[in-house]
C-alpha atoms as a PDB file:
ATOM      1  CA  MET A   1     -85.362  28.837 -71.923  1.00  0.00           C
ATOM      2  CA  ASP A   2     -87.264  27.969 -75.209  1.00  0.00           C
ATOM      3  CA  VAL A   3     -89.185  30.513 -77.245  1.00  0.00           C
ATOM      4  CA  TYR A   4     -92.743  30.110 -76.553  1.00  0.00           C
ATOM      5  CA  LEU A   5     -95.741  32.126 -78.350  1.00  0.00           C
ATOM      6  CA  GLU A   6     -98.583  33.808 -76.476  1.00  0.00           C
ATOM      7  CA  VAL A   7    -101.511  34.381 -78.875  1.00  0.00           C
ATOM      8  CA  LYS A   8    -104.213  36.888 -77.756  1.00  0.00           C
ATOM      9  CA  LEU A   9    -107.281  36.958 -79.844  1.00  0.00           C
ATOM     10  CA  LYS A  10    -109.060  40.183 -79.271  1.00  0.00           C
ATOM     11  CA  PRO A  11    -112.814  40.832 -79.868  1.00  0.00           C
ATOM     12  CA  GLY A  12    -113.415  41.753 -83.391  1.00  0.00           C
ATOM     13  CA  GLY A  13    -110.645  39.175 -84.669  1.00  0.00           C
ATOM     14  CA  GLU A  14    -107.386  41.012 -83.980  1.00  0.00           C
ATOM     15  CA  ARG A  15    -104.553  38.609 -83.391  1.00  0.00           C
ATOM     16  CA  ARG A  16    -101.654  39.617 -81.232  1.00  0.00           C
ATOM     17  CA  GLU A  17     -98.480  37.474 -80.797  1.00  0.00           C
ATOM     18  CA  TYR A  18     -95.967  37.799 -78.286  1.00  0.00           C
ATOM     19  CA  ALA A  19     -92.513  35.844 -78.413  1.00  0.00           C
ATOM     20  CA  THR A  20     -91.963  34.832 -74.819  1.00  0.00           C
ATOM     21  CA  GLN A  21     -89.728  32.202 -72.913  1.00  0.00           C
ATOM     22  CA  LEU A  22     -91.340  28.990 -71.694  1.00  0.00           C
ATOM     23  CA  VAL A  23     -90.743  28.712 -68.014  1.00  0.00           C
ATOM     24  CA  HIS A  24     -93.145  25.892 -67.152  1.00  0.00           C
ATOM     25  CA  LEU A  25     -95.501  23.716 -69.187  1.00  0.00           C
ATOM     26  CA  GLY A  26     -97.620  21.399 -67.040  1.00  0.00           C
ATOM     27  CA  ARG A  27    -100.970  19.698 -66.725  1.00  0.00           C
ATOM     28  CA  GLY A  28    -103.508  22.571 -67.422  1.00  0.00           C
ATOM     29  CA  VAL A  29    -101.051  25.366 -66.822  1.00  0.00           C
ATOM     30  CA  VAL A  30     -98.321  27.122 -68.444  1.00  0.00           C
ATOM     31  CA  ILE A  31     -95.873  29.917 -67.180  1.00  0.00           C
ATOM     32  CA  VAL A  32     -94.142  32.243 -69.693  1.00  0.00           C
ATOM     33  CA  ARG A  33     -91.598  34.932 -69.141  1.00  0.00           C
ATOM     34  CA  PHE A  34     -91.679  38.260 -71.147  1.00  0.00           C
ATOM     35  CA  ASP A  35     -88.604  40.447 -70.885  1.00  0.00           C
ATOM     36  CA  MET A  36     -89.800  44.169 -70.989  1.00  0.00           C
ATOM     37  CA  GLN A  37     -86.876  46.003 -72.582  1.00  0.00           C
ATOM     38  CA  ARG A  38     -88.424  49.323 -72.895  1.00  0.00           C
ATOM     39  CA  GLY A  39     -90.441  49.712 -69.711  1.00  0.00           C
ATOM     40  CA  GLY A  40     -93.265  52.084 -69.479  1.00  0.00           C
ATOM     41  CA  GLY A  41     -96.645  51.368 -67.866  1.00  0.00           C
ATOM     42  CA  PRO A  42    -100.419  51.410 -68.538  1.00  0.00           C
ATOM     43  CA  PRO A  43    -101.716  54.871 -69.314  1.00  0.00           C
ATOM     44  CA  ASP A  44    -104.469  54.805 -66.521  1.00  0.00           C
ATOM     45  CA  ILE A  45    -103.043  52.883 -63.859  1.00  0.00           C
ATOM     46  CA  PRO A  46    -100.234  54.188 -61.520  1.00  0.00           C
ATOM     47  CA  VAL A  47     -97.657  51.688 -62.346  1.00  0.00           C
ATOM     48  CA  THR A  48     -94.107  52.478 -63.627  1.00  0.00           C
ATOM     49  CA  VAL A  49     -92.339  49.754 -65.333  1.00  0.00           C
ATOM     50  CA  PRO A  50     -88.537  50.321 -65.552  1.00  0.00           C
ATOM     51  CA  PRO A  51     -86.625  49.072 -68.654  1.00  0.00           C
ATOM     52  CA  GLY A  52     -85.385  45.432 -68.077  1.00  0.00           C
ATOM     53  CA  SER A  53     -88.435  44.512 -65.887  1.00  0.00           C
ATOM     54  CA  ILE A  54     -89.963  41.183 -66.406  1.00  0.00           C
ATOM     55  CA  SER A  55     -93.502  39.761 -66.712  1.00  0.00           C
ATOM     56  CA  LEU A  56     -94.285  36.018 -65.614  1.00  0.00           C
ATOM     57  CA  GLY A  57     -97.651  35.113 -67.305  1.00  0.00           C
ATOM     58  CA  TYR A  58     -99.748  32.169 -65.811  1.00  0.00           C
ATOM     59  CA  PHE A  59    -102.475  30.642 -67.977  1.00  0.00           C
ATOM     60  CA  TRP A  60    -104.721  27.982 -66.827  1.00  0.00           C
ATOM     61  CA  ALA A  61    -106.642  25.913 -69.349  1.00  0.00           C
ATOM     62  CA  ARG A  62    -109.911  25.803 -67.309  1.00  0.00           C
ATOM     63  CA  ARG A  63    -109.950  29.367 -65.632  1.00  0.00           C
ATOM     64  CA  PRO A  64    -111.609  32.423 -66.808  1.00  0.00           C
ATOM     65  CA  TYR A  65    -108.670  34.613 -66.239  1.00  0.00           C
ATOM     66  CA  ASN A  66    -104.878  34.652 -66.608  1.00  0.00           C
ATOM     67  CA  LEU A  67    -102.352  36.392 -64.264  1.00  0.00           C
ATOM     68  CA  TYR A  68     -99.198  38.496 -64.865  1.00  0.00           C
ATOM     69  CA  ARG A  69     -96.554  39.010 -62.237  1.00  0.00           C
ATOM     70  CA  TRP A  70     -94.488  42.126 -63.141  1.00  0.00           C
ATOM     71  CA  ARG A  71     -91.059  42.488 -61.519  1.00  0.00           C
ATOM     72  CA  ASP A  72     -88.395  45.206 -61.868  1.00  0.00           C
ATOM     73  CA  PRO A  73     -84.854  44.414 -62.885  1.00  0.00           C
ATOM     74  CA  LEU A  74     -83.752  43.733 -59.298  1.00  0.00           C
ATOM     75  CA  GLY A  75     -86.725  41.213 -58.821  1.00  0.00           C
ATOM     76  CA  ARG A  76     -88.785  43.436 -56.677  1.00  0.00           C
ATOM     77  CA  LEU A  77     -92.582  42.996 -57.225  1.00  0.00           C
ATOM     78  CA  ILE A  78     -94.163  45.868 -59.292  1.00  0.00           C
ATOM     79  CA  ALA A  79     -97.701  44.776 -59.678  1.00  0.00           C
ATOM     80  CA  HIS A  80    -100.177  42.007 -60.691  1.00  0.00           C
ATOM     81  CA  ARG A  81    -102.593  42.073 -63.721  1.00  0.00           C
ATOM     82  CA  PHE A  82    -105.528  39.526 -64.215  1.00  0.00           C
ATOM     83  CA  ASP A  83    -107.240  39.442 -67.514  1.00  0.00           C
ATOM     84  CA  ALA A  84    -110.728  37.907 -68.371  1.00  0.00           C
ATOM     85  CA  VAL A  85    -110.142  35.253 -70.987  1.00  0.00           C
ATOM     86  CA  ALA A  86    -111.980  32.516 -72.712  1.00  0.00           C
ATOM     87  CA  ASP A  87    -110.933  29.297 -74.718  1.00  0.00           C
ATOM     88  CA  VAL A  88    -107.398  29.054 -73.341  1.00  0.00           C
ATOM     89  CA  ALA A  89    -105.543  26.419 -75.373  1.00  0.00           C
ATOM     90  CA  ILE A  90    -102.131  25.229 -74.156  1.00  0.00           C
ATOM     91  CA  ALA A  91     -99.863  23.562 -76.652  1.00  0.00           C
ATOM     92  CA  PRO A  92     -96.083  22.572 -76.587  1.00  0.00           C
ATOM     93  CA  GLU A  93     -95.346  25.738 -78.651  1.00  0.00           C
ATOM     94  CA  SER A  94     -97.908  28.292 -77.732  1.00  0.00           C
ATOM     95  CA  VAL A  95    -100.801  29.347 -75.518  1.00  0.00           C
ATOM     96  CA  THR A  96    -103.739  30.868 -77.332  1.00  0.00           C
ATOM     97  CA  TYR A  97    -106.733  32.555 -75.732  1.00  0.00           C
ATOM     98  CA  ARG A  98    -109.462  34.950 -76.401  1.00  0.00           C
ATOM     99  CA  ASP A  99    -109.266  38.400 -74.496  1.00  0.00           C
ATOM    100  CA  LEU A 100    -112.546  39.319 -72.913  1.00  0.00           C
ATOM    101  CA  VAL A 101    -111.544  42.919 -72.394  1.00  0.00           C
ATOM    102  CA  LEU A 102    -111.882  43.340 -68.641  1.00  0.00           C
ATOM    103  CA  ASP A 103    -108.494  43.532 -66.594  1.00  0.00           C
ATOM    104  CA  TRP A 104    -107.838  43.967 -63.078  1.00  0.00           C
ATOM    105  CA  TRP A 105    -104.535  45.263 -61.346  1.00  0.00           C
ATOM    106  CA  VAL A 106    -103.444  44.494 -57.933  1.00  0.00           C
ATOM    107  CA  LEU A 107    -100.918  47.077 -56.727  1.00  0.00           C
ATOM    108  CA  PRO A 108     -98.739  46.854 -53.598  1.00  0.00           C
ATOM    109  CA  GLY A 109    -100.726  47.308 -50.447  1.00  0.00           C
ATOM    110  CA  ASP A 110    -103.484  45.028 -52.022  1.00  0.00           C
ATOM    111  CA  ILE A 111    -104.999  47.942 -54.045  1.00  0.00           C
ATOM    112  CA  LEU A 112    -107.385  46.495 -56.514  1.00  0.00           C
ATOM    113  CA  LEU A 113    -108.092  48.441 -59.738  1.00  0.00           C
ATOM    114  CA  GLU A 114    -110.465  47.538 -62.597  1.00  0.00           C
ATOM    115  CA  GLU A 115    -109.652  48.516 -66.058  1.00  0.00           C
ATOM    116  CA  ASP A 116    -111.731  48.618 -69.405  1.00  0.00           C
ATOM    117  CA  ARG A 117    -115.150  48.107 -67.907  1.00  0.00           C
ATOM    118  CA  ASP A 118    -116.668  50.755 -70.300  1.00  0.00           C
ATOM    119  CA  GLU A 119    -115.230  49.110 -73.338  1.00  0.00           C
ATOM    120  CA  PHE A 120    -116.448  45.689 -72.017  1.00  0.00           C
ATOM    121  CA  GLU A 121    -119.989  47.107 -71.481  1.00  0.00           C
ATOM    122  CA  ALA A 122    -119.947  48.637 -75.102  1.00  0.00           C
ATOM    123  CA  LEU A 123    -118.981  45.549 -76.722  1.00  0.00           C
ATOM    124  CA  ALA A 124    -121.688  43.494 -74.904  1.00  0.00           C
ATOM    125  CA  GLU A 125    -124.246  46.160 -75.906  1.00  0.00           C
ATOM    126  CA  ALA A 126    -123.163  45.987 -79.432  1.00  0.00           C
ATOM    127  CA  GLY A 127    -123.666  42.101 -79.411  1.00  0.00           C
ATOM    128  CA  LEU A 128    -119.849  41.533 -80.056  1.00  0.00           C
ATOM    129  CA  LEU A 129    -119.432  39.277 -77.006  1.00  0.00           C
ATOM    130  CA  THR A 130    -121.315  35.846 -76.959  1.00  0.00           C
ATOM    131  CA  PRO A 131    -123.474  34.872 -74.059  1.00  0.00           C
ATOM    132  CA  SER A 132    -120.614  32.426 -73.026  1.00  0.00           C
ATOM    133  CA  ASP A 133    -117.964  35.333 -73.371  1.00  0.00           C
ATOM    134  CA  LEU A 134    -120.352  37.331 -70.904  1.00  0.00           C
ATOM    135  CA  GLU A 135    -120.525  34.537 -68.468  1.00  0.00           C
ATOM    136  CA  ALA A 136    -116.768  33.800 -68.659  1.00  0.00           C
ATOM    137  CA  ALA A 137    -116.009  37.631 -67.995  1.00  0.00           C
ATOM    138  CA  ARG A 138    -118.439  37.736 -65.024  1.00  0.00           C
ATOM    139  CA  ALA A 139    -116.962  34.533 -63.691  1.00  0.00           C
ATOM    140  CA  ALA A 140    -113.463  36.019 -63.861  1.00  0.00           C
ATOM    141  CA  ASP A 141    -114.797  39.281 -62.190  1.00  0.00           C
ATOM    142  CA  ARG A 142    -116.203  37.254 -59.264  1.00  0.00           C
ATOM    143  CA  GLU A 143    -113.100  35.131 -58.994  1.00  0.00           C
ATOM    144  CA  VAL A 144    -110.731  37.877 -58.969  1.00  0.00           C
ATOM    145  CA  HIS A 145    -112.573  40.066 -56.540  1.00  0.00           C
ATOM    146  CA  ALA A 146    -113.204  37.114 -54.228  1.00  0.00           C
ATOM    147  CA  ARG A 147    -109.950  35.285 -54.499  1.00  0.00           C
ATOM    148  CA  TYR A 148    -107.268  37.546 -55.793  1.00  0.00           C
ATOM    149  CA  ARG A 149    -105.003  37.072 -52.912  1.00  0.00           C
ATOM    150  CA  HIS A 150    -105.436  33.251 -53.074  1.00  0.00           C
ATOM    151  CA  ILE A 151    -104.557  33.189 -56.786  1.00  0.00           C
ATOM    152  CA  ILE A 152    -101.534  35.590 -56.403  1.00  0.00           C
ATOM    153  CA  ASP A 153    -100.289  33.264 -53.413  1.00  0.00           C
ATOM    154  CA  GLU A 154    -100.661  30.179 -55.688  1.00  0.00           C
ATOM    155  CA  ALA A 155     -98.779  31.925 -58.503  1.00  0.00           C
ATOM    156  CA  ALA A 156     -95.939  32.924 -55.956  1.00  0.00           C
ATOM    157  CA  ARG A 157     -95.674  29.226 -54.946  1.00  0.00           C
ATOM    158  CA  LEU A 158     -95.503  28.252 -58.717  1.00  0.00           C
ATOM    159  CA  GLU A 159     -92.901  30.968 -59.357  1.00  0.00           C
ATOM    160  CA  ALA A 160     -90.708  29.856 -56.357  1.00  0.00           C
ATOM    161  CA  ARG A 161     -90.750  26.247 -57.905  1.00  0.00           C
ATOM    162  CA  TYR A 162     -90.323  26.981 -61.638  1.00  0.00           C
ATOM    163  CA  ALA A 163     -88.823  30.489 -61.923  1.00  0.00           C
ATOM    164  CA  PRO A 164     -86.876  31.378 -58.774  1.00  0.00           C
ATOM    165  CA  ALA A 165     -85.497  34.845 -58.464  1.00  0.00           C
ATOM    166  CA  ARG A 166     -82.032  35.795 -59.642  1.00  0.00           C
ATOM    167  CA  LYS A 167     -79.490  36.469 -57.071  1.00  0.00           C
ATOM    168  CA  ALA A 168     -78.272  40.084 -57.023  1.00  0.00           C
END
């Protein structure tokens, strides 16, 4: 797989770059793979990520969210994470997007958890998010809550086609 750069632009201008592997580059969608060598997990979400797990990232040019599917080293699903995003730009060598702070986790058993609402509200109140950012984040919120299962199923179909599981 080729090296592919994921570029996240945080509110306030911080730029984070992640070296990933390109899995699929298609019309309006890119799938990347990130190997999580250290493992760990998010501090406020009940998710444990063993070392050697992988994350497949799904980025759509015209959607207000992206999606990560996390799998353990044996290929078992750990969790899904959606991020509210804006200005997704897919190029042959990278995907760049603006992070709109809100995140949602879908845990096994269809448990949907929201993350970072307080930070989002504080940025909005301070005027650090534009009106279009606020609308994109609200659109992501509506779509994730109303359609997360459909979106996950779509990603599973893409994964089966472009990133089939390794045989144990």
